[in-house]
Amino acid sequence: MKKKYRLVDFIGRKVKIVNSPCKNLIGLEGEIIDEEKFYFIIERKVERKGKIIKKIAKIMKKNTMFEINGELINGSDILSTPEER
């Protein structure tokens, strides 16, 4: 793991998926509400029929490029839990 992210807590930060092996995830935006070793749990708000609905997505970190608070981060560089960092 890169030292740069050693003390970083990603929970509560805004995230956008920039690149992913799963092409339908590219462009997905939301807030990181939980983090596991291999996944981010992202909450996003979707408007349907005039109502705002919260949706949860579990996104694999490996081979996925994230933009978190304006910084590009390769998910493969942060394969650990916050406790392990």
N, C-alpha and C. Protein backbone atom coordinates (compact mmCIF):
# COMPACT_ATOMS: atom_id res chain seq x y z
N MET A 1 0.84 -1.18 0.00
CA MET A 1 0.00 0.00 0.00
C MET A 1 0.89 1.24 0.00
N LYS A 2 0.46 2.24 -0.71
CA LYS A 2 1.22 3.48 -0.78
C LYS A 2 1.13 4.20 0.57
N LYS A 3 2.26 4.76 1.02
CA LYS A 3 2.30 5.47 2.30
C LYS A 3 1.36 6.67 2.31
N LYS A 4 1.13 7.25 1.14
CA LYS A 4 0.31 8.45 1.02
C LYS A 4 -1.08 8.23 1.61
N TYR A 5 -1.61 7.02 1.49
CA TYR A 5 -2.98 6.74 1.94
C TYR A 5 -3.02 6.03 3.29
N ARG A 6 -1.90 5.91 3.93
CA ARG A 6 -1.81 5.14 5.16
C ARG A 6 -2.75 5.63 6.26
N LEU A 7 -2.85 6.92 6.44
CA LEU A 7 -3.66 7.47 7.52
C LEU A 7 -4.98 8.06 7.03
N VAL A 8 -5.33 7.80 5.79
CA VAL A 8 -6.53 8.39 5.21
C VAL A 8 -7.76 7.56 5.56
N ASP A 9 -8.80 8.26 6.00
CA ASP A 9 -10.10 7.63 6.22
C ASP A 9 -11.01 8.10 5.09
N PHE A 10 -11.48 7.19 4.27
CA PHE A 10 -12.27 7.55 3.10
C PHE A 10 -13.76 7.68 3.41
N ILE A 11 -14.20 7.19 4.55
CA ILE A 11 -15.62 7.24 4.89
C ILE A 11 -16.07 8.69 5.02
N GLY A 12 -17.20 9.00 4.36
CA GLY A 12 -17.75 10.35 4.38
C GLY A 12 -17.30 11.21 3.22
N ARG A 13 -16.40 10.71 2.41
CA ARG A 13 -15.89 11.49 1.28
C ARG A 13 -16.71 11.25 0.01
N LYS A 14 -16.75 12.27 -0.82
CA LYS A 14 -17.42 12.18 -2.12
C LYS A 14 -16.53 11.38 -3.07
N VAL A 15 -17.15 10.54 -3.88
CA VAL A 15 -16.39 9.67 -4.78
C VAL A 15 -17.07 9.61 -6.15
N LYS A 16 -16.23 9.46 -7.17
CA LYS A 16 -16.72 9.23 -8.54
C LYS A 16 -15.87 8.12 -9.13
N ILE A 17 -16.50 7.19 -9.82
CA ILE A 17 -15.76 6.11 -10.46
C ILE A 17 -15.35 6.59 -11.85
N VAL A 18 -14.03 6.63 -12.07
CA VAL A 18 -13.47 7.15 -13.31
C VAL A 18 -13.21 6.03 -14.31
N ASN A 19 -12.77 4.87 -13.81
CA ASN A 19 -12.50 3.73 -14.68
C ASN A 19 -12.75 2.45 -13.89
N SER A 20 -13.31 1.46 -14.56
CA SER A 20 -13.65 0.21 -13.89
C SER A 20 -13.75 -0.91 -14.92
N PRO A 21 -13.42 -2.15 -14.52
CA PRO A 21 -13.63 -3.28 -15.43
C PRO A 21 -15.12 -3.43 -15.78
N CYS A 22 -15.98 -3.00 -14.88
CA CYS A 22 -17.43 -3.02 -15.11
C CYS A 22 -17.84 -1.65 -15.67
N LYS A 23 -17.96 -1.56 -16.98
CA LYS A 23 -18.13 -0.27 -17.67
C LYS A 23 -19.39 0.48 -17.26
N ASN A 24 -20.44 -0.21 -16.80
CA ASN A 24 -21.65 0.51 -16.41
C ASN A 24 -21.50 1.25 -15.08
N LEU A 25 -20.39 1.04 -14.37
CA LEU A 25 -20.13 1.78 -13.13
C LEU A 25 -19.42 3.11 -13.37
N ILE A 26 -18.81 3.27 -14.54
CA ILE A 26 -18.06 4.49 -14.83
C ILE A 26 -19.01 5.69 -14.78
N GLY A 27 -18.61 6.69 -14.02
CA GLY A 27 -19.43 7.89 -13.86
C GLY A 27 -20.30 7.88 -12.62
N LEU A 28 -20.43 6.72 -11.96
CA LEU A 28 -21.23 6.64 -10.75
C LEU A 28 -20.62 7.55 -9.68
N GLU A 29 -21.45 8.35 -9.03
CA GLU A 29 -20.99 9.28 -7.99
C GLU A 29 -21.80 9.06 -6.73
N GLY A 30 -21.18 9.34 -5.59
CA GLY A 30 -21.88 9.22 -4.33
C GLY A 30 -20.96 9.53 -3.17
N GLU A 31 -21.33 9.03 -2.01
CA GLU A 31 -20.55 9.24 -0.79
C GLU A 31 -20.18 7.88 -0.22
N ILE A 32 -18.93 7.74 0.18
CA ILE A 32 -18.47 6.48 0.79
C ILE A 32 -19.04 6.42 2.20
N ILE A 33 -19.86 5.39 2.46
CA ILE A 33 -20.46 5.27 3.80
C ILE A 33 -19.83 4.15 4.61
N ASP A 34 -19.07 3.26 3.95
CA ASP A 34 -18.37 2.20 4.66
C ASP A 34 -17.25 1.71 3.76
N GLU A 35 -16.28 1.05 4.38
CA GLU A 35 -15.15 0.54 3.62
C GLU A 35 -14.77 -0.83 4.16
N GLU A 36 -14.58 -1.76 3.26
CA GLU A 36 -14.08 -3.08 3.58
C GLU A 36 -12.73 -3.24 2.89
N LYS A 37 -12.07 -4.35 3.13
CA LYS A 37 -10.75 -4.53 2.55
C LYS A 37 -10.76 -4.42 1.02
N PHE A 38 -11.73 -5.04 0.39
CA PHE A 38 -11.77 -5.08 -1.07
C PHE A 38 -12.86 -4.22 -1.69
N TYR A 39 -13.68 -3.56 -0.87
CA TYR A 39 -14.84 -2.83 -1.39
C TYR A 39 -15.04 -1.49 -0.72
N PHE A 40 -15.64 -0.55 -1.46
CA PHE A 40 -16.24 0.65 -0.90
C PHE A 40 -17.75 0.44 -0.95
N ILE A 41 -18.45 0.88 0.08
CA ILE A 41 -19.90 0.91 0.08
C ILE A 41 -20.27 2.37 -0.18
N ILE A 42 -20.95 2.62 -1.29
CA ILE A 42 -21.25 3.98 -1.73
C ILE A 42 -22.75 4.22 -1.71
N GLU A 43 -23.13 5.36 -1.12
CA GLU A 43 -24.53 5.76 -1.14
C GLU A 43 -24.69 6.85 -2.18
N ARG A 44 -25.68 6.70 -3.01
CA ARG A 44 -25.95 7.73 -4.01
C ARG A 44 -27.44 8.04 -4.00
N LYS A 45 -27.75 9.25 -4.40
CA LYS A 45 -29.14 9.70 -4.41
C LYS A 45 -29.62 9.75 -5.85
N VAL A 46 -30.77 9.12 -6.09
CA VAL A 46 -31.36 9.05 -7.43
C VAL A 46 -32.76 9.64 -7.36
N GLU A 47 -33.08 10.47 -8.35
CA GLU A 47 -34.42 11.06 -8.38
C GLU A 47 -35.32 10.21 -9.27
N ARG A 48 -36.46 9.82 -8.70
CA ARG A 48 -37.46 9.05 -9.45
C ARG A 48 -38.84 9.60 -9.16
N LYS A 49 -39.54 9.96 -10.20
CA LYS A 49 -40.91 10.47 -10.07
C LYS A 49 -41.00 11.59 -9.04
N GLY A 50 -40.03 12.48 -9.07
CA GLY A 50 -40.04 13.64 -8.18
C GLY A 50 -39.59 13.35 -6.76
N LYS A 51 -39.19 12.12 -6.47
CA LYS A 51 -38.72 11.76 -5.13
C LYS A 51 -37.24 11.42 -5.19
N ILE A 52 -36.54 11.74 -4.11
CA ILE A 52 -35.12 11.39 -4.00
C ILE A 52 -35.03 10.04 -3.28
N ILE A 53 -34.40 9.08 -3.92
CA ILE A 53 -34.25 7.75 -3.35
C ILE A 53 -32.76 7.50 -3.11
N LYS A 54 -32.44 6.96 -1.94
CA LYS A 54 -31.05 6.60 -1.65
C LYS A 54 -30.80 5.18 -2.15
N LYS A 55 -29.69 5.02 -2.87
CA LYS A 55 -29.30 3.70 -3.37
C LYS A 55 -27.91 3.39 -2.83
N ILE A 56 -27.69 2.13 -2.53
CA ILE A 56 -26.40 1.67 -2.01
C ILE A 56 -25.74 0.78 -3.07
N ALA A 57 -24.45 0.98 -3.27
CA ALA A 57 -23.69 0.15 -4.21
C ALA A 57 -22.42 -0.34 -3.52
N LYS A 58 -22.09 -1.59 -3.73
CA LYS A 58 -20.85 -2.17 -3.21
C LYS A 58 -19.89 -2.28 -4.39
N ILE A 59 -18.82 -1.48 -4.35
CA ILE A 59 -17.90 -1.37 -5.48
C ILE A 59 -16.55 -1.97 -5.13
N MET A 60 -16.08 -2.89 -5.97
CA MET A 60 -14.78 -3.50 -5.76
C MET A 60 -13.67 -2.48 -6.01
N LYS A 61 -12.68 -2.44 -5.12
CA LYS A 61 -11.56 -1.49 -5.26
C LYS A 61 -10.57 -1.91 -6.35
N LYS A 62 -10.27 -3.21 -6.42
CA LYS A 62 -9.22 -3.70 -7.31
C LYS A 62 -9.53 -3.35 -8.77
N ASN A 63 -8.54 -2.81 -9.45
CA ASN A 63 -8.61 -2.43 -10.87
C ASN A 63 -9.63 -1.33 -11.16
N THR A 64 -10.03 -0.58 -10.14
CA THR A 64 -10.97 0.52 -10.33
C THR A 64 -10.28 1.83 -9.98
N MET A 65 -10.50 2.85 -10.80
CA MET A 65 -9.92 4.16 -10.56
C MET A 65 -11.01 5.06 -10.00
N PHE A 66 -10.73 5.66 -8.84
CA PHE A 66 -11.68 6.53 -8.16
C PHE A 66 -11.18 7.97 -8.17
N GLU A 67 -12.11 8.90 -8.21
CA GLU A 67 -11.79 10.30 -7.94
C GLU A 67 -12.43 10.61 -6.60
N ILE A 68 -11.59 10.83 -5.60
CA ILE A 68 -12.07 11.09 -4.24
C ILE A 68 -11.60 12.48 -3.84
N ASN A 69 -12.57 13.37 -3.62
CA ASN A 69 -12.28 14.77 -3.29
C ASN A 69 -11.30 15.39 -4.29
N GLY A 70 -11.50 15.10 -5.57
CA GLY A 70 -10.69 15.71 -6.61
C GLY A 70 -9.36 15.03 -6.88
N GLU A 71 -9.03 13.97 -6.16
CA GLU A 71 -7.76 13.27 -6.34
C GLU A 71 -8.01 11.89 -6.95
N LEU A 72 -7.25 11.55 -7.98
CA LEU A 72 -7.37 10.23 -8.60
C LEU A 72 -6.64 9.19 -7.76
N ILE A 73 -7.34 8.11 -7.43
CA ILE A 73 -6.78 7.06 -6.59
C ILE A 73 -7.06 5.72 -7.25
N ASN A 74 -6.01 4.93 -7.43
CA ASN A 74 -6.16 3.58 -7.95
C ASN A 74 -6.58 2.67 -6.81
N GLY A 75 -7.72 2.01 -6.96
CA GLY A 75 -8.24 1.14 -5.91
C GLY A 75 -7.27 0.04 -5.52
N SER A 76 -6.45 -0.41 -6.45
CA SER A 76 -5.47 -1.46 -6.15
C SER A 76 -4.42 -0.99 -5.15
N ASP A 77 -4.24 0.32 -5.02
CA ASP A 77 -3.26 0.87 -4.07
C ASP A 77 -3.79 0.93 -2.64
N ILE A 78 -5.08 0.72 -2.46
CA ILE A 78 -5.68 0.88 -1.13
C ILE A 78 -6.44 -0.38 -0.70
N LEU A 79 -5.94 -1.54 -1.07
CA LEU A 79 -6.59 -2.80 -0.70
C LEU A 79 -6.27 -3.14 0.76
N SER A 80 -6.95 -2.48 1.66
CA SER A 80 -6.83 -2.74 3.09
C SER A 80 -8.01 -2.08 3.79
N THR A 81 -8.21 -2.47 5.03
CA THR A 81 -9.26 -1.83 5.81
C THR A 81 -8.68 -0.60 6.49
N PRO A 82 -9.51 0.33 6.94
CA PRO A 82 -8.98 1.49 7.66
C PRO A 82 -8.18 1.07 8.90
N GLU A 83 -8.61 -0.01 9.54
CA GLU A 83 -7.91 -0.48 10.74
C GLU A 83 -6.51 -0.99 10.42
N GLU A 84 -6.33 -1.59 9.25
CA GLU A 84 -5.02 -2.09 8.84
C GLU A 84 -4.07 -0.97 8.44
N ARG A 85 -4.64 0.16 8.04
CA ARG A 85 -3.79 1.29 7.65
C ARG A 85 -3.32 1.96 8.90
